[in-house]
N, C-alpha and C. Protein backbone atom coordinates (compact mmCIF):
# COMPACT_ATOMS: atom_id res chain seq x y z
N MET A 1 13.44 9.84 -54.62
CA MET A 1 13.31 9.66 -53.24
C MET A 1 13.20 11.14 -52.86
N LYS A 2 12.12 11.36 -52.11
CA LYS A 2 11.92 12.43 -51.26
C LYS A 2 12.81 12.67 -49.87
N PRO A 3 13.42 13.89 -49.72
CA PRO A 3 14.01 13.94 -48.49
C PRO A 3 13.02 13.98 -47.23
N THR A 4 13.07 13.52 -46.28
CA THR A 4 12.15 13.76 -44.95
C THR A 4 12.74 13.98 -43.76
N ILE A 5 12.11 14.65 -42.90
CA ILE A 5 12.72 15.28 -41.81
C ILE A 5 12.77 14.03 -40.69
N LEU A 6 11.60 13.02 -40.73
CA LEU A 6 11.38 12.06 -39.74
C LEU A 6 12.37 10.79 -40.14
N THR A 7 13.59 11.09 -39.96
CA THR A 7 14.92 9.96 -40.05
C THR A 7 15.10 9.59 -38.46
N GLN A 8 15.46 8.32 -38.40
CA GLN A 8 15.83 7.65 -37.25
C GLN A 8 17.06 8.79 -36.25
N LYS A 9 17.82 9.34 -36.93
CA LYS A 9 19.08 9.85 -36.62
C LYS A 9 18.24 11.38 -35.81
N ASN A 10 17.28 12.05 -36.71
CA ASN A 10 16.57 13.43 -36.38
C ASN A 10 15.48 13.08 -34.96
N VAL A 11 14.80 12.04 -35.00
CA VAL A 11 14.02 11.24 -33.98
C VAL A 11 14.81 11.12 -32.87
N CYS A 12 15.99 10.64 -33.00
CA CYS A 12 16.67 10.47 -31.61
C CYS A 12 17.35 11.57 -31.01
N ALA A 13 17.76 12.41 -31.83
CA ALA A 13 18.42 13.83 -31.42
C ALA A 13 17.22 14.76 -30.75
N PHE A 14 15.73 14.60 -31.39
CA PHE A 14 14.72 15.18 -30.76
C PHE A 14 14.59 14.62 -29.41
N LEU A 15 14.46 13.39 -29.22
CA LEU A 15 14.05 12.73 -27.93
C LEU A 15 15.21 13.23 -26.95
N GLY A 16 16.60 12.98 -27.23
CA GLY A 16 17.37 13.44 -26.19
C GLY A 16 17.68 14.76 -26.03
N LEU A 17 17.08 15.82 -26.55
CA LEU A 17 16.84 17.29 -26.36
C LEU A 17 15.78 17.22 -25.50
N LEU A 18 14.72 16.59 -25.62
CA LEU A 18 13.62 16.53 -24.46
C LEU A 18 14.08 15.88 -23.11
N MET A 19 14.91 15.13 -23.17
CA MET A 19 15.33 14.55 -21.95
C MET A 19 16.21 15.55 -21.35
N ALA A 20 17.16 16.08 -22.05
CA ALA A 20 17.95 17.23 -21.49
C ALA A 20 17.13 18.28 -20.63
N LEU A 21 16.03 18.71 -21.60
CA LEU A 21 15.12 19.76 -20.93
C LEU A 21 14.45 19.33 -19.72
N THR A 22 14.18 18.21 -19.64
CA THR A 22 13.43 17.67 -18.54
C THR A 22 14.36 17.51 -17.38
N ILE A 23 15.56 17.21 -17.65
CA ILE A 23 16.39 17.16 -16.56
C ILE A 23 16.96 18.42 -16.05
N LEU A 24 17.19 19.47 -16.86
CA LEU A 24 17.22 20.80 -16.48
C LEU A 24 15.91 21.42 -15.54
N TRP A 25 14.60 21.01 -16.08
CA TRP A 25 13.53 21.44 -15.31
C TRP A 25 13.53 20.91 -14.09
N SER A 26 13.84 19.44 -13.90
CA SER A 26 13.75 18.93 -12.55
C SER A 26 14.65 19.50 -11.66
N ALA A 27 15.77 19.78 -12.13
CA ALA A 27 16.78 20.28 -11.29
C ALA A 27 16.49 21.63 -10.81
N SER A 28 16.11 22.40 -11.76
CA SER A 28 15.50 23.66 -11.06
C SER A 28 14.50 23.86 -10.05
N ALA A 29 13.71 22.77 -10.24
CA ALA A 29 12.18 22.80 -9.27
C ALA A 29 12.90 22.09 -8.09
N GLU A 30 13.88 21.27 -7.97
CA GLU A 30 14.37 20.59 -6.89
C GLU A 30 15.26 21.97 -6.24
N ALA A 31 15.88 22.71 -6.95
CA ALA A 31 16.71 23.72 -6.01
C ALA A 31 15.65 24.63 -5.59
N LYS A 32 14.45 24.85 -6.10
CA LYS A 32 13.43 25.81 -5.45
C LYS A 32 13.02 25.10 -4.14
N VAL A 33 12.87 23.50 -3.96
CA VAL A 33 12.62 23.06 -2.99
C VAL A 33 13.62 23.08 -1.68
N ASN A 34 14.90 23.15 -2.29
CA ASN A 34 15.90 23.01 -1.10
C ASN A 34 16.09 24.56 -0.52
N THR A 35 15.84 25.49 -1.24
CA THR A 35 16.05 26.96 -0.74
C THR A 35 14.83 27.08 0.26
N PHE A 36 13.38 26.38 -0.12
CA PHE A 36 12.60 26.33 1.07
C PHE A 36 12.95 25.85 2.23
N ASP A 37 13.56 24.68 2.17
CA ASP A 37 14.06 23.91 3.31
C ASP A 37 14.95 24.73 4.07
N VAL A 38 15.96 25.62 3.57
CA VAL A 38 16.76 26.22 4.05
C VAL A 38 16.41 27.52 4.89
N VAL A 39 15.06 27.95 4.34
CA VAL A 39 14.37 29.17 5.07
C VAL A 39 13.72 28.65 6.37
N THR A 40 13.10 27.68 5.98
CA THR A 40 12.19 26.95 7.27
C THR A 40 13.25 26.47 8.37
N SER A 41 14.26 26.00 8.11
CA SER A 41 15.26 25.38 9.00
C SER A 41 15.86 26.65 9.84
N ASN A 42 15.95 27.55 9.47
CA ASN A 42 16.39 28.84 10.11
C ASN A 42 15.35 29.50 11.06
N MET A 43 14.07 29.13 10.82
CA MET A 43 13.12 29.54 11.76
C MET A 43 13.24 29.16 13.12
N GLU A 44 12.94 30.01 13.94
CA GLU A 44 13.06 29.74 15.40
C GLU A 44 11.70 29.21 15.92
N VAL A 45 11.58 28.14 16.78
CA VAL A 45 10.41 27.61 17.49
C VAL A 45 10.68 27.99 18.82
N ASN A 46 9.27 28.62 19.10
CA ASN A 46 9.24 29.02 20.61
C ASN A 46 8.35 28.15 21.52
N ASP A 47 8.30 27.08 21.15
CA ASP A 47 7.41 25.92 21.88
C ASP A 47 8.22 25.28 22.92
N THR A 48 7.94 25.57 24.13
CA THR A 48 8.42 25.02 25.43
C THR A 48 7.70 24.27 25.98
N LEU A 49 8.42 23.21 26.82
CA LEU A 49 7.50 22.17 27.51
C LEU A 49 6.57 22.91 28.53
N SER A 50 6.75 23.80 29.16
CA SER A 50 6.00 24.42 30.19
C SER A 50 4.74 24.73 29.43
N ASP A 51 4.81 25.45 28.34
CA ASP A 51 3.44 25.66 27.64
C ASP A 51 2.85 24.32 27.18
N THR A 52 3.36 23.43 26.74
CA THR A 52 2.62 22.05 26.34
C THR A 52 1.94 21.59 27.81
N LYS A 53 2.66 21.48 28.77
CA LYS A 53 2.19 20.84 30.04
C LYS A 53 0.87 21.84 30.48
N GLU A 54 0.71 23.14 30.30
CA GLU A 54 -0.24 23.91 30.82
C GLU A 54 -1.45 23.60 29.89
N ILE A 55 -1.19 23.29 28.75
CA ILE A 55 -2.46 23.08 27.67
C ILE A 55 -3.04 21.71 27.85
N ALA A 56 -2.03 20.91 28.21
CA ALA A 56 -2.46 19.62 28.64
C ALA A 56 -3.40 19.42 29.75
N GLN A 57 -2.95 20.33 30.82
CA GLN A 57 -3.90 20.39 32.14
C GLN A 57 -5.16 21.16 31.89
N ALA A 58 -4.96 21.78 31.22
CA ALA A 58 -6.37 22.62 30.49
C ALA A 58 -7.45 21.76 29.94
N LEU A 59 -6.92 20.63 29.11
CA LEU A 59 -7.65 19.87 28.62
C LEU A 59 -8.43 18.80 29.54
N GLU A 60 -9.72 18.57 29.36
CA GLU A 60 -10.40 17.58 30.07
C GLU A 60 -11.15 16.59 29.23
N ILE A 61 -10.97 15.28 29.27
CA ILE A 61 -11.91 14.43 28.22
C ILE A 61 -12.79 13.62 29.09
N ASP A 62 -14.11 13.47 28.74
CA ASP A 62 -15.21 13.00 29.44
C ASP A 62 -15.43 11.78 28.77
N LEU A 63 -14.98 10.59 29.08
CA LEU A 63 -15.23 9.36 28.35
C LEU A 63 -16.32 8.61 28.88
N LYS A 64 -17.25 9.02 29.61
CA LYS A 64 -18.49 8.38 30.41
C LYS A 64 -19.62 8.31 29.07
N ASP A 65 -19.59 9.10 28.22
CA ASP A 65 -20.89 9.16 27.43
C ASP A 65 -20.78 8.54 26.17
N ILE A 66 -19.46 7.92 25.98
CA ILE A 66 -19.12 6.92 24.93
C ILE A 66 -19.74 5.75 24.98
N ASN A 67 -20.63 5.28 24.13
CA ASN A 67 -21.40 4.08 23.90
C ASN A 67 -20.59 3.11 23.18
N VAL A 68 -20.13 2.11 24.02
CA VAL A 68 -19.42 0.94 23.38
C VAL A 68 -20.33 -0.32 23.09
N LYS A 69 -20.65 -0.47 21.63
CA LYS A 69 -21.51 -1.60 21.43
C LYS A 69 -21.05 -2.71 21.56
N ALA A 70 -21.91 -3.84 22.25
CA ALA A 70 -21.15 -5.19 22.59
C ALA A 70 -21.26 -6.04 21.31
N LEU A 71 -20.10 -6.81 21.31
CA LEU A 71 -20.18 -7.66 20.12
C LEU A 71 -21.16 -8.72 20.00
N PRO A 72 -21.98 -9.23 18.87
CA PRO A 72 -23.12 -10.20 19.08
C PRO A 72 -22.27 -11.56 19.07
N THR A 73 -22.87 -12.58 19.79
CA THR A 73 -22.44 -13.85 19.96
C THR A 73 -22.60 -14.43 18.84
N ILE A 74 -23.79 -14.48 18.08
CA ILE A 74 -24.00 -15.21 17.00
C ILE A 74 -24.58 -14.53 15.90
N THR A 75 -24.05 -14.22 14.48
CA THR A 75 -24.50 -13.60 13.61
C THR A 75 -24.73 -14.54 12.37
N PHE A 76 -25.97 -14.22 11.83
CA PHE A 76 -26.52 -14.92 10.42
C PHE A 76 -26.34 -14.27 9.53
N ILE A 77 -25.70 -14.63 8.35
CA ILE A 77 -25.63 -13.76 7.23
C ILE A 77 -26.06 -14.60 6.00
N ASN A 78 -26.49 -13.77 4.90
CA ASN A 78 -27.18 -14.49 3.88
C ASN A 78 -26.21 -14.71 2.72
N LYS A 79 -26.52 -15.38 1.42
CA LYS A 79 -25.44 -15.57 0.49
C LYS A 79 -24.60 -14.41 -0.05
N TYR A 80 -25.25 -13.35 0.17
CA TYR A 80 -24.53 -11.93 -0.24
C TYR A 80 -23.96 -11.32 0.80
N GLY A 81 -23.43 -11.74 2.05
CA GLY A 81 -22.96 -11.34 2.97
C GLY A 81 -23.61 -10.34 3.77
N GLU A 82 -25.18 -10.20 3.50
CA GLU A 82 -25.75 -9.10 4.45
C GLU A 82 -26.18 -9.90 5.62
N VAL A 83 -26.21 -8.81 6.76
CA VAL A 83 -26.42 -9.56 7.99
C VAL A 83 -28.11 -9.90 7.92
N VAL A 84 -28.54 -10.88 8.35
CA VAL A 84 -29.74 -11.41 8.65
C VAL A 84 -30.67 -11.14 10.03
N ALA A 85 -29.43 -11.66 10.93
CA ALA A 85 -29.71 -11.65 12.46
C ALA A 85 -28.61 -11.57 13.13
N GLU A 86 -28.64 -10.91 14.50
CA GLU A 86 -27.59 -11.05 15.30
C GLU A 86 -28.12 -11.17 16.76
N PHE A 87 -27.78 -12.18 17.35
CA PHE A 87 -28.00 -12.56 18.95
C PHE A 87 -26.80 -12.29 19.64
N TYR A 88 -27.41 -11.65 20.81
CA TYR A 88 -26.71 -11.27 21.95
C TYR A 88 -26.88 -12.20 23.21
N GLY A 89 -25.89 -12.38 23.91
CA GLY A 89 -25.91 -13.17 25.36
C GLY A 89 -25.18 -14.44 25.19
N GLU A 90 -25.55 -15.19 26.04
CA GLU A 90 -24.84 -16.45 26.34
C GLU A 90 -25.05 -17.47 25.14
N LYS A 91 -24.23 -18.13 24.55
CA LYS A 91 -24.27 -19.21 23.45
C LYS A 91 -25.32 -20.19 24.12
N SER A 92 -25.35 -20.55 24.88
CA SER A 92 -26.17 -21.79 25.37
C SER A 92 -27.46 -21.57 25.35
N GLU A 93 -27.84 -20.09 25.92
CA GLU A 93 -29.04 -19.60 25.85
C GLU A 93 -29.87 -19.32 24.69
N ILE A 94 -28.94 -19.17 23.53
CA ILE A 94 -29.52 -18.78 22.37
C ILE A 94 -29.52 -20.11 21.55
N GLU A 95 -28.78 -21.05 21.81
CA GLU A 95 -28.77 -22.51 21.27
C GLU A 95 -30.12 -23.17 21.69
N GLY A 96 -30.45 -22.90 22.94
CA GLY A 96 -31.64 -23.58 23.51
C GLY A 96 -32.93 -22.77 22.75
N LYS A 97 -32.99 -21.36 22.58
CA LYS A 97 -34.21 -20.84 21.89
C LYS A 97 -34.25 -21.14 20.63
N PHE A 98 -33.13 -20.86 19.62
CA PHE A 98 -32.96 -20.96 18.28
C PHE A 98 -32.41 -22.32 17.71
N LYS A 99 -32.73 -23.63 18.58
CA LYS A 99 -31.94 -24.62 18.01
C LYS A 99 -32.12 -24.93 16.58
N GLU A 100 -33.27 -24.73 16.07
CA GLU A 100 -34.02 -25.13 14.51
C GLU A 100 -32.96 -24.39 13.58
N LEU A 101 -32.75 -23.02 14.08
CA LEU A 101 -32.22 -22.24 13.16
C LEU A 101 -30.84 -22.30 13.21
N LEU A 102 -30.01 -22.85 14.14
CA LEU A 102 -28.94 -23.19 14.20
C LEU A 102 -28.45 -24.52 13.49
N LYS A 103 -29.41 -25.41 13.43
CA LYS A 103 -29.33 -26.61 12.71
C LYS A 103 -29.32 -26.30 11.29
N ASN A 104 -30.03 -25.44 10.67
CA ASN A 104 -30.26 -25.22 9.43
C ASN A 104 -29.14 -24.37 8.75
N GLY A 105 -28.62 -23.68 9.86
CA GLY A 105 -27.62 -22.50 9.25
C GLY A 105 -26.25 -23.38 9.06
N ILE A 106 -25.25 -22.84 8.16
CA ILE A 106 -24.15 -23.60 7.93
C ILE A 106 -23.02 -22.72 8.81
N PHE A 107 -22.34 -23.16 9.66
CA PHE A 107 -21.16 -22.54 10.52
C PHE A 107 -20.04 -22.14 9.75
N MET A 108 -19.84 -20.90 9.42
CA MET A 108 -18.91 -20.11 8.54
C MET A 108 -17.55 -20.05 9.38
N MET A 109 -17.37 -19.37 10.36
CA MET A 109 -16.36 -19.09 10.98
C MET A 109 -16.56 -18.35 12.43
N ALA A 110 -15.51 -18.47 13.22
CA ALA A 110 -15.61 -18.00 14.70
C ALA A 110 -14.29 -17.14 14.88
N THR A 111 -14.59 -15.98 15.42
CA THR A 111 -13.65 -15.11 16.18
C THR A 111 -13.65 -14.77 17.54
N GLY A 112 -13.21 -15.27 18.33
CA GLY A 112 -13.18 -15.20 19.89
C GLY A 112 -14.57 -15.89 20.28
N LYS A 113 -15.48 -14.95 20.64
CA LYS A 113 -16.79 -15.85 21.12
C LYS A 113 -17.76 -15.33 19.97
N HIS A 114 -17.37 -14.79 18.72
CA HIS A 114 -18.45 -14.42 17.77
C HIS A 114 -18.45 -15.17 16.87
N GLU A 115 -19.64 -15.97 16.56
CA GLU A 115 -19.60 -16.93 15.39
C GLU A 115 -20.61 -16.45 14.37
N PHE A 116 -20.39 -16.98 13.00
CA PHE A 116 -20.99 -16.65 11.86
C PHE A 116 -21.66 -17.77 11.57
N TYR A 117 -23.04 -17.75 10.95
CA TYR A 117 -23.47 -18.73 10.36
C TYR A 117 -24.34 -18.30 9.07
N LEU A 118 -24.12 -19.24 7.97
CA LEU A 118 -24.71 -18.91 6.62
C LEU A 118 -26.20 -19.40 6.56
N ILE A 119 -27.20 -18.67 5.97
CA ILE A 119 -28.63 -19.14 6.15
C ILE A 119 -28.90 -19.10 4.76
């Protein structure tokens, strides 16, 4: 019988050594993070409320140029989920103009005034 290094006792001892080294490494890394926290907590912050108010008064936001797209009233999709058509306006007007299309489409769902049909 040949003596070998890979016995159960040796493998377990090696794994224990690796675990101990990992614990020591993580503890030293955590200690470095804690020293960084101590350094940053001792720093002074010179941000006063009056400076913030002055900055806020200097900012002006113009919301007039923002285009908000209206949601379509009826949307037709194909079997792949791609939008085929979108109709805007009153539902009664759309039903009057596209009665046959609505009859052939399968109603899928509605969210608020927005309806989805499958073609």
